[in-house]
Amino acid sequence: MPNRQLPSPAITASMFLLVHKPTMARWAIVDRIALGANVRRRRSREERNREIDMRLRPPEFLSCFYGFFGE
């Protein structure tokens, strides 16, 4: 009895995606709908930079920082 040759992993993976990709796409849509308002809006670079600047500033009540940061 001859040995049966298995398909290559690339063919197996492409067949898997061919069959399951529509299902996975539907799940992604359902997940997006289920998350709803919990999905965070993507912020612009300016908004992210502004938030980083605010986090890096020293607390204003610490007078030892006055003058050090050019204030």
PDB file of N, CA and C in Angstrom:
ATOM      1  N   MET A   1       0.850  -1.178   0.000  1.00  0.00           N
ATOM      2  CA  MET A   1       0.000   0.000   0.000  1.00  0.00           C
ATOM      3  C   MET A   1       0.900   1.247   0.000  1.00  0.00           C
ATOM      4  N   PRO A   2       0.738   2.151  -0.960  1.00  0.00           N
ATOM      5  CA  PRO A   2       1.616   3.329  -1.049  1.00  0.00           C
ATOM      6  C   PRO A   2       1.306   4.336   0.068  1.00  0.00           C
ATOM      7  N   ASN A   3       2.356   5.038   0.490  1.00  0.00           N
ATOM      8  CA  ASN A   3       2.160   6.084   1.505  1.00  0.00           C
ATOM      9  C   ASN A   3       1.476   7.287   0.868  1.00  0.00           C
ATOM     10  N   ARG A   4       0.524   7.829   1.581  1.00  0.00           N
ATOM     11  CA  ARG A   4      -0.178   9.016   1.075  1.00  0.00           C
ATOM     12  C   ARG A   4       0.619  10.253   1.483  1.00  0.00           C
ATOM     13  N   GLN A   5       0.894  11.123   0.509  1.00  0.00           N
ATOM     14  CA  GLN A   5       1.669  12.329   0.805  1.00  0.00           C
ATOM     15  C   GLN A   5       0.732  13.401   1.355  1.00  0.00           C
ATOM     16  N   LEU A   6       1.126  14.008   2.462  1.00  0.00           N
ATOM     17  CA  LEU A   6       0.316  15.061   3.068  1.00  0.00           C
ATOM     18  C   LEU A   6       0.534  16.370   2.318  1.00  0.00           C
ATOM     19  N   PRO A   7      -0.495  17.230   2.261  1.00  0.00           N
ATOM     20  CA  PRO A   7      -0.311  18.528   1.601  1.00  0.00           C
ATOM     21  C   PRO A   7       0.650  19.406   2.403  1.00  0.00           C
ATOM     22  N   SER A   8       1.258  20.336   1.725  1.00  0.00           N
ATOM     23  CA  SER A   8       2.210  21.222   2.404  1.00  0.00           C
ATOM     24  C   SER A   8       1.464  22.099   3.416  1.00  0.00           C
ATOM     25  N   PRO A   9       2.159  22.583   4.442  1.00  0.00           N
ATOM     26  CA  PRO A   9       1.503  23.458   5.429  1.00  0.00           C
ATOM     27  C   PRO A   9       0.922  24.721   4.810  1.00  0.00           C
ATOM     28  N   ALA A  10       1.561  25.246   3.758  1.00  0.00           N
ATOM     29  CA  ALA A  10       1.046  26.459   3.118  1.00  0.00           C
ATOM     30  C   ALA A  10      -0.315  26.196   2.483  1.00  0.00           C
ATOM     31  N   ILE A  11      -0.445  25.053   1.829  1.00  0.00           N
ATOM     32  CA  ILE A  11      -1.729  24.713   1.212  1.00  0.00           C
ATOM     33  C   ILE A  11      -2.776  24.487   2.293  1.00  0.00           C
ATOM     34  N   THR A  12      -2.387  23.819   3.362  1.00  0.00           N
ATOM     35  CA  THR A  12      -3.323  23.573   4.458  1.00  0.00           C
ATOM     36  C   THR A  12      -3.791  24.892   5.063  1.00  0.00           C
ATOM     37  N   ALA A  13      -2.869  25.824   5.285  1.00  0.00           N
ATOM     38  CA  ALA A  13      -3.230  27.117   5.866  1.00  0.00           C
ATOM     39  C   ALA A  13      -4.121  27.913   4.930  1.00  0.00           C
ATOM     40  N   SER A  14      -3.808  27.910   3.640  1.00  0.00           N
ATOM     41  CA  SER A  14      -4.637  28.671   2.702  1.00  0.00           C
ATOM     42  C   SER A  14      -6.033  28.071   2.597  1.00  0.00           C
ATOM     43  N   MET A  15      -6.135  26.749   2.658  1.00  0.00           N
ATOM     44  CA  MET A  15      -7.457  26.122   2.633  1.00  0.00           C
ATOM     45  C   MET A  15      -8.241  26.474   3.898  1.00  0.00           C
ATOM     46  N   PHE A  16      -7.553  26.502   5.029  1.00  0.00           N
ATOM     47  CA  PHE A  16      -8.209  26.870   6.284  1.00  0.00           C
ATOM     48  C   PHE A  16      -8.776  28.280   6.186  1.00  0.00           C
ATOM     49  N   LEU A  17      -7.955  29.227   5.674  1.00  0.00           N
ATOM     50  CA  LEU A  17      -8.430  30.604   5.547  1.00  0.00           C
ATOM     51  C   LEU A  17      -9.567  30.715   4.551  1.00  0.00           C
ATOM     52  N   LEU A  18      -9.490  29.956   3.477  1.00  0.00           N
ATOM     53  CA  LEU A  18     -10.548  29.984   2.474  1.00  0.00           C
ATOM     54  C   LEU A  18     -11.882  29.576   3.088  1.00  0.00           C
ATOM     55  N   VAL A  19     -11.840  28.577   3.943  1.00  0.00           N
ATOM     56  CA  VAL A  19     -13.074  28.076   4.548  1.00  0.00           C
ATOM     57  C   VAL A  19     -13.509  28.937   5.727  1.00  0.00           C
ATOM     58  N   HIS A  20     -12.564  29.340   6.578  1.00  0.00           N
ATOM     59  CA  HIS A  20     -12.933  29.960   7.844  1.00  0.00           C
ATOM     60  C   HIS A  20     -12.879  31.478   7.848  1.00  0.00           C
ATOM     61  N   LYS A  21     -12.299  32.104   6.840  1.00  0.00           N
ATOM     62  CA  LYS A  21     -12.176  33.562   6.858  1.00  0.00           C
ATOM     63  C   LYS A  21     -13.535  34.263   6.900  1.00  0.00           C
ATOM     64  N   PRO A  22     -14.531  33.852   6.112  1.00  0.00           N
ATOM     65  CA  PRO A  22     -15.835  34.520   6.221  1.00  0.00           C
ATOM     66  C   PRO A  22     -16.428  34.412   7.624  1.00  0.00           C
ATOM     67  N   THR A  23     -16.259  33.257   8.244  1.00  0.00           N
ATOM     68  CA  THR A  23     -16.776  33.079   9.605  1.00  0.00           C
ATOM     69  C   THR A  23     -16.040  33.984  10.576  1.00  0.00           C
ATOM     70  N   MET A  24     -14.718  34.053  10.445  1.00  0.00           N
ATOM     71  CA  MET A  24     -13.938  34.904  11.338  1.00  0.00           C
ATOM     72  C   MET A  24     -14.292  36.375  11.117  1.00  0.00           C
ATOM     73  N   ALA A  25     -14.566  36.762   9.885  1.00  0.00           N
ATOM     74  CA  ALA A  25     -14.961  38.140   9.597  1.00  0.00           C
ATOM     75  C   ALA A  25     -16.297  38.453  10.264  1.00  0.00           C
ATOM     76  N   ARG A  26     -17.216  37.504  10.222  1.00  0.00           N
ATOM     77  CA  ARG A  26     -18.505  37.717  10.888  1.00  0.00           C
ATOM     78  C   ARG A  26     -18.306  37.867  12.390  1.00  0.00           C
ATOM     79  N   TRP A  27     -17.424  37.051  12.980  1.00  0.00           N
ATOM     80  CA  TRP A  27     -17.161  37.166  14.409  1.00  0.00           C
ATOM     81  C   TRP A  27     -16.581  38.530  14.743  1.00  0.00           C
ATOM     82  N   ALA A  28     -15.710  39.038  13.895  1.00  0.00           N
ATOM     83  CA  ALA A  28     -15.105  40.353  14.146  1.00  0.00           C
ATOM     84  C   ALA A  28     -16.173  41.434  14.149  1.00  0.00           C
ATOM     85  N   ILE A  29     -17.116  41.338  13.217  1.00  0.00           N
ATOM     86  CA  ILE A  29     -18.207  42.318  13.171  1.00  0.00           C
ATOM     87  C   ILE A  29     -19.042  42.208  14.434  1.00  0.00           C
ATOM     88  N   VAL A  30     -19.339  40.983  14.845  1.00  0.00           N
ATOM     89  CA  VAL A  30     -20.127  40.784  16.063  1.00  0.00           C
ATOM     90  C   VAL A  30     -19.373  41.327  17.270  1.00  0.00           C
ATOM     91  N   ASP A  31     -18.067  41.074  17.349  1.00  0.00           N
ATOM     92  CA  ASP A  31     -17.278  41.600  18.463  1.00  0.00           C
ATOM     93  C   ASP A  31     -17.303  43.117  18.480  1.00  0.00           C
ATOM     94  N   ARG A  32     -17.187  43.723  17.307  1.00  0.00           N
ATOM     95  CA  ARG A  32     -17.192  45.180  17.230  1.00  0.00           C
ATOM     96  C   ARG A  32     -18.533  45.731  17.696  1.00  0.00           C
ATOM     97  N   ILE A  33     -19.615  45.079  17.289  1.00  0.00           N
ATOM     98  CA  ILE A  33     -20.945  45.530  17.704  1.00  0.00           C
ATOM     99  C   ILE A  33     -21.120  45.310  19.202  1.00  0.00           C
ATOM    100  N   ALA A  34     -20.639  44.175  19.706  1.00  0.00           N
ATOM    101  CA  ALA A  34     -20.799  43.864  21.126  1.00  0.00           C
ATOM    102  C   ALA A  34     -20.028  44.852  21.993  1.00  0.00           C
ATOM    103  N   LEU A  35     -18.858  45.292  21.520  1.00  0.00           N
ATOM    104  CA  LEU A  35     -18.083  46.246  22.302  1.00  0.00           C
ATOM    105  C   LEU A  35     -18.774  47.599  22.354  1.00  0.00           C
ATOM    106  N   GLY A  36     -19.343  48.006  21.248  1.00  0.00           N
ATOM    107  CA  GLY A  36     -20.118  49.237  21.195  1.00  0.00           C
ATOM    108  C   GLY A  36     -19.356  50.447  21.679  1.00  0.00           C
ATOM    109  N   ALA A  37     -19.895  51.106  22.709  1.00  0.00           N
ATOM    110  CA  ALA A  37     -19.320  52.354  23.207  1.00  0.00           C
ATOM    111  C   ALA A  37     -18.027  52.126  23.972  1.00  0.00           C
ATOM    112  N   ASN A  38     -17.701  50.886  24.290  1.00  0.00           N
ATOM    113  CA  ASN A  38     -16.478  50.625  25.046  1.00  0.00           C
ATOM    114  C   ASN A  38     -15.226  50.744  24.189  1.00  0.00           C
ATOM    115  N   VAL A  39     -15.380  50.790  22.875  1.00  0.00           N
ATOM    116  CA  VAL A  39     -14.223  50.913  21.993  1.00  0.00           C
ATOM    117  C   VAL A  39     -13.694  52.342  22.094  1.00  0.00           C
ATOM    118  N   ARG A  40     -12.394  52.460  22.382  1.00  0.00           N
ATOM    119  CA  ARG A  40     -11.813  53.796  22.513  1.00  0.00           C
ATOM    120  C   ARG A  40     -11.570  54.399  21.141  1.00  0.00           C
ATOM    121  N   ARG A  41     -11.875  55.675  21.040  1.00  0.00           N
ATOM    122  CA  ARG A  41     -11.629  56.396  19.797  1.00  0.00           C
ATOM    123  C   ARG A  41     -10.127  56.571  19.626  1.00  0.00           C
ATOM    124  N   ARG A  42      -9.659  56.382  18.414  1.00  0.00           N
ATOM    125  CA  ARG A  42      -8.229  56.566  18.146  1.00  0.00           C
ATOM    126  C   ARG A  42      -7.909  58.050  18.203  1.00  0.00           C
ATOM    127  N   ARG A  43      -6.916  58.386  18.999  1.00  0.00           N
ATOM    128  CA  ARG A  43      -6.585  59.789  19.195  1.00  0.00           C
ATOM    129  C   ARG A  43      -5.509  60.237  18.216  1.00  0.00           C
ATOM    130  N   SER A  44      -5.528  61.518  17.937  1.00  0.00           N
ATOM    131  CA  SER A  44      -4.522  62.065  17.029  1.00  0.00           C
ATOM    132  C   SER A  44      -3.179  62.148  17.749  1.00  0.00           C
ATOM    133  N   ARG A  45      -2.134  62.332  16.979  1.00  0.00           N
ATOM    134  CA  ARG A  45      -0.791  62.444  17.556  1.00  0.00           C
ATOM    135  C   ARG A  45      -0.699  63.654  18.484  1.00  0.00           C
ATOM    136  N   GLU A  46      -1.374  64.757  18.130  1.00  0.00           N
ATOM    137  CA  GLU A  46      -1.334  65.951  18.973  1.00  0.00           C
ATOM    138  C   GLU A  46      -1.972  65.677  20.331  1.00  0.00           C
ATOM    139  N   GLU A  47      -3.089  64.954  20.332  1.00  0.00           N
ATOM    140  CA  GLU A  47      -3.742  64.632  21.604  1.00  0.00           C
ATOM    141  C   GLU A  47      -2.854  63.752  22.476  1.00  0.00           C
ATOM    142  N   ARG A  48      -2.209  62.757  21.859  1.00  0.00           N
ATOM    143  CA  ARG A  48      -1.320  61.879  22.629  1.00  0.00           C
ATOM    144  C   ARG A  48      -0.131  62.662  23.179  1.00  0.00           C
ATOM    145  N   ASN A  49       0.458  63.537  22.353  1.00  0.00           N
ATOM    146  CA  ASN A  49       1.600  64.333  22.808  1.00  0.00           C
ATOM    147  C   ASN A  49       1.204  65.260  23.948  1.00  0.00           C
ATOM    148  N   ARG A  50       0.008  65.859  23.855  1.00  0.00           N
ATOM    149  CA  ARG A  50      -0.464  66.752  24.908  1.00  0.00           C
ATOM    150  C   ARG A  50      -0.619  65.982  26.224  1.00  0.00           C
ATOM    151  N   GLU A  51      -1.173  64.773  26.134  1.00  0.00           N
ATOM    152  CA  GLU A  51      -1.341  63.967  27.347  1.00  0.00           C
ATOM    153  C   GLU A  51       0.015  63.584  27.944  1.00  0.00           C
ATOM    154  N   ILE A  52       0.966  63.236  27.105  1.00  0.00           N
ATOM    155  CA  ILE A  52       2.310  62.897  27.596  1.00  0.00           C
ATOM    156  C   ILE A  52       2.947  64.107  28.267  1.00  0.00           C
ATOM    157  N   ASP A  53       2.795  65.290  27.649  1.00  0.00           N
ATOM    158  CA  ASP A  53       3.349  66.505  28.248  1.00  0.00           C
ATOM    159  C   ASP A  53       2.749  66.758  29.623  1.00  0.00           C
ATOM    160  N   MET A  54       1.435  66.568  29.742  1.00  0.00           N
ATOM    161  CA  MET A  54       0.776  66.804  31.023  1.00  0.00           C
ATOM    162  C   MET A  54       1.247  65.796  32.072  1.00  0.00           C
ATOM    163  N   ARG A  55       1.468  64.555  31.666  1.00  0.00           N
ATOM    164  CA  ARG A  55       1.914  63.541  32.628  1.00  0.00           C
ATOM    165  C   ARG A  55       3.351  63.771  33.070  1.00  0.00           C
ATOM    166  N   LEU A  56       4.177  64.348  32.197  1.00  0.00           N
ATOM    167  CA  LEU A  56       5.581  64.559  32.529  1.00  0.00           C
ATOM    168  C   LEU A  56       5.806  65.812  33.370  1.00  0.00           C
ATOM    169  N   ARG A  57       4.821  66.704  33.428  1.00  0.00           N
ATOM    170  CA  ARG A  57       4.996  67.923  34.214  1.00  0.00           C
ATOM    171  C   ARG A  57       5.009  67.589  35.695  1.00  0.00           C
ATOM    172  N   PRO A  58       5.844  68.283  36.439  1.00  0.00           N
ATOM    173  CA  PRO A  58       5.861  68.034  37.889  1.00  0.00           C
ATOM    174  C   PRO A  58       4.606  68.617  38.532  1.00  0.00           C
ATOM    175  N   PRO A  59       4.211  68.096  39.669  1.00  0.00           N
ATOM    176  CA  PRO A  59       3.065  68.680  40.373  1.00  0.00           C
ATOM    177  C   PRO A  59       3.360  70.132  40.730  1.00  0.00           C
ATOM    178  N   GLU A  60       2.361  70.991  40.596  1.00  0.00           N
ATOM    179  CA  GLU A  60       2.590  72.425  40.801  1.00  0.00           C
ATOM    180  C   GLU A  60       2.852  72.767  42.262  1.00  0.00           C
ATOM    181  N   PHE A  61       2.427  71.912  43.182  1.00  0.00           N
ATOM    182  CA  PHE A  61       2.611  72.234  44.600  1.00  0.00           C
ATOM    183  C   PHE A  61       4.042  71.975  45.072  1.00  0.00           C
ATOM    184  N   LEU A  62       4.879  71.365  44.240  1.00  0.00           N
ATOM    185  CA  LEU A  62       6.266  71.136  44.630  1.00  0.00           C
ATOM    186  C   LEU A  62       7.113  72.322  44.171  1.00  0.00           C
ATOM    187  N   SER A  63       7.402  73.221  45.095  1.00  0.00           N
ATOM    188  CA  SER A  63       8.117  74.442  44.722  1.00  0.00           C
ATOM    189  C   SER A  63       9.555  74.160  44.308  1.00  0.00           C
ATOM    190  N   CYS A  64      10.093  72.991  44.656  1.00  0.00           N
ATOM    191  CA  CYS A  64      11.477  72.698  44.286  1.00  0.00           C
ATOM    192  C   CYS A  64      11.637  72.583  42.772  1.00  0.00           C
ATOM    193  N   PHE A  65      10.536  72.381  42.053  1.00  0.00           N
ATOM    194  CA  PHE A  65      10.628  72.264  40.605  1.00  0.00           C
ATOM    195  C   PHE A  65      10.545  73.620  39.900  1.00  0.00           C
ATOM    196  N   TYR A  66      10.163  74.673  40.632  1.00  0.00           N
ATOM    197  CA  TYR A  66      10.037  75.977  39.992  1.00  0.00           C
ATOM    198  C   TYR A  66      11.404  76.442  39.520  1.00  0.00           C
ATOM    199  N   GLY A  67      11.469  76.955  38.333  1.00  0.00           N
ATOM    200  CA  GLY A  67      12.710  77.424  37.766  1.00  0.00           C
ATOM    201  C   GLY A  67      13.483  76.325  37.064  1.00  0.00           C
ATOM    202  N   PHE A  68      13.340  75.105  37.521  1.00  0.00           N
ATOM    203  CA  PHE A  68      14.067  74.002  36.904  1.00  0.00           C
ATOM    204  C   PHE A  68      13.545  73.708  35.512  1.00  0.00           C
ATOM    205  N   PHE A  69      12.245  73.833  35.314  1.00  0.00           N
ATOM    206  CA  PHE A  69      11.639  73.565  34.014  1.00  0.00           C
ATOM    207  C   PHE A  69      11.321  74.846  33.259  1.00  0.00           C
ATOM    208  N   GLY A  70      11.932  75.951  33.643  1.00  0.00           N
ATOM    209  CA  GLY A  70      11.742  77.192  32.913  1.00  0.00           C
ATOM    210  C   GLY A  70      10.424  77.870  33.209  1.00  0.00           C
ATOM    211  N   GLU A  71       9.875  77.626  34.378  1.00  0.00           N
ATOM    212  CA  GLU A  71       8.605  78.270  34.729  1.00  0.00           C
ATOM    213  C   GLU A  71       8.850  79.532  35.513  1.00  0.00           C
TER     214      GLU A  71
END
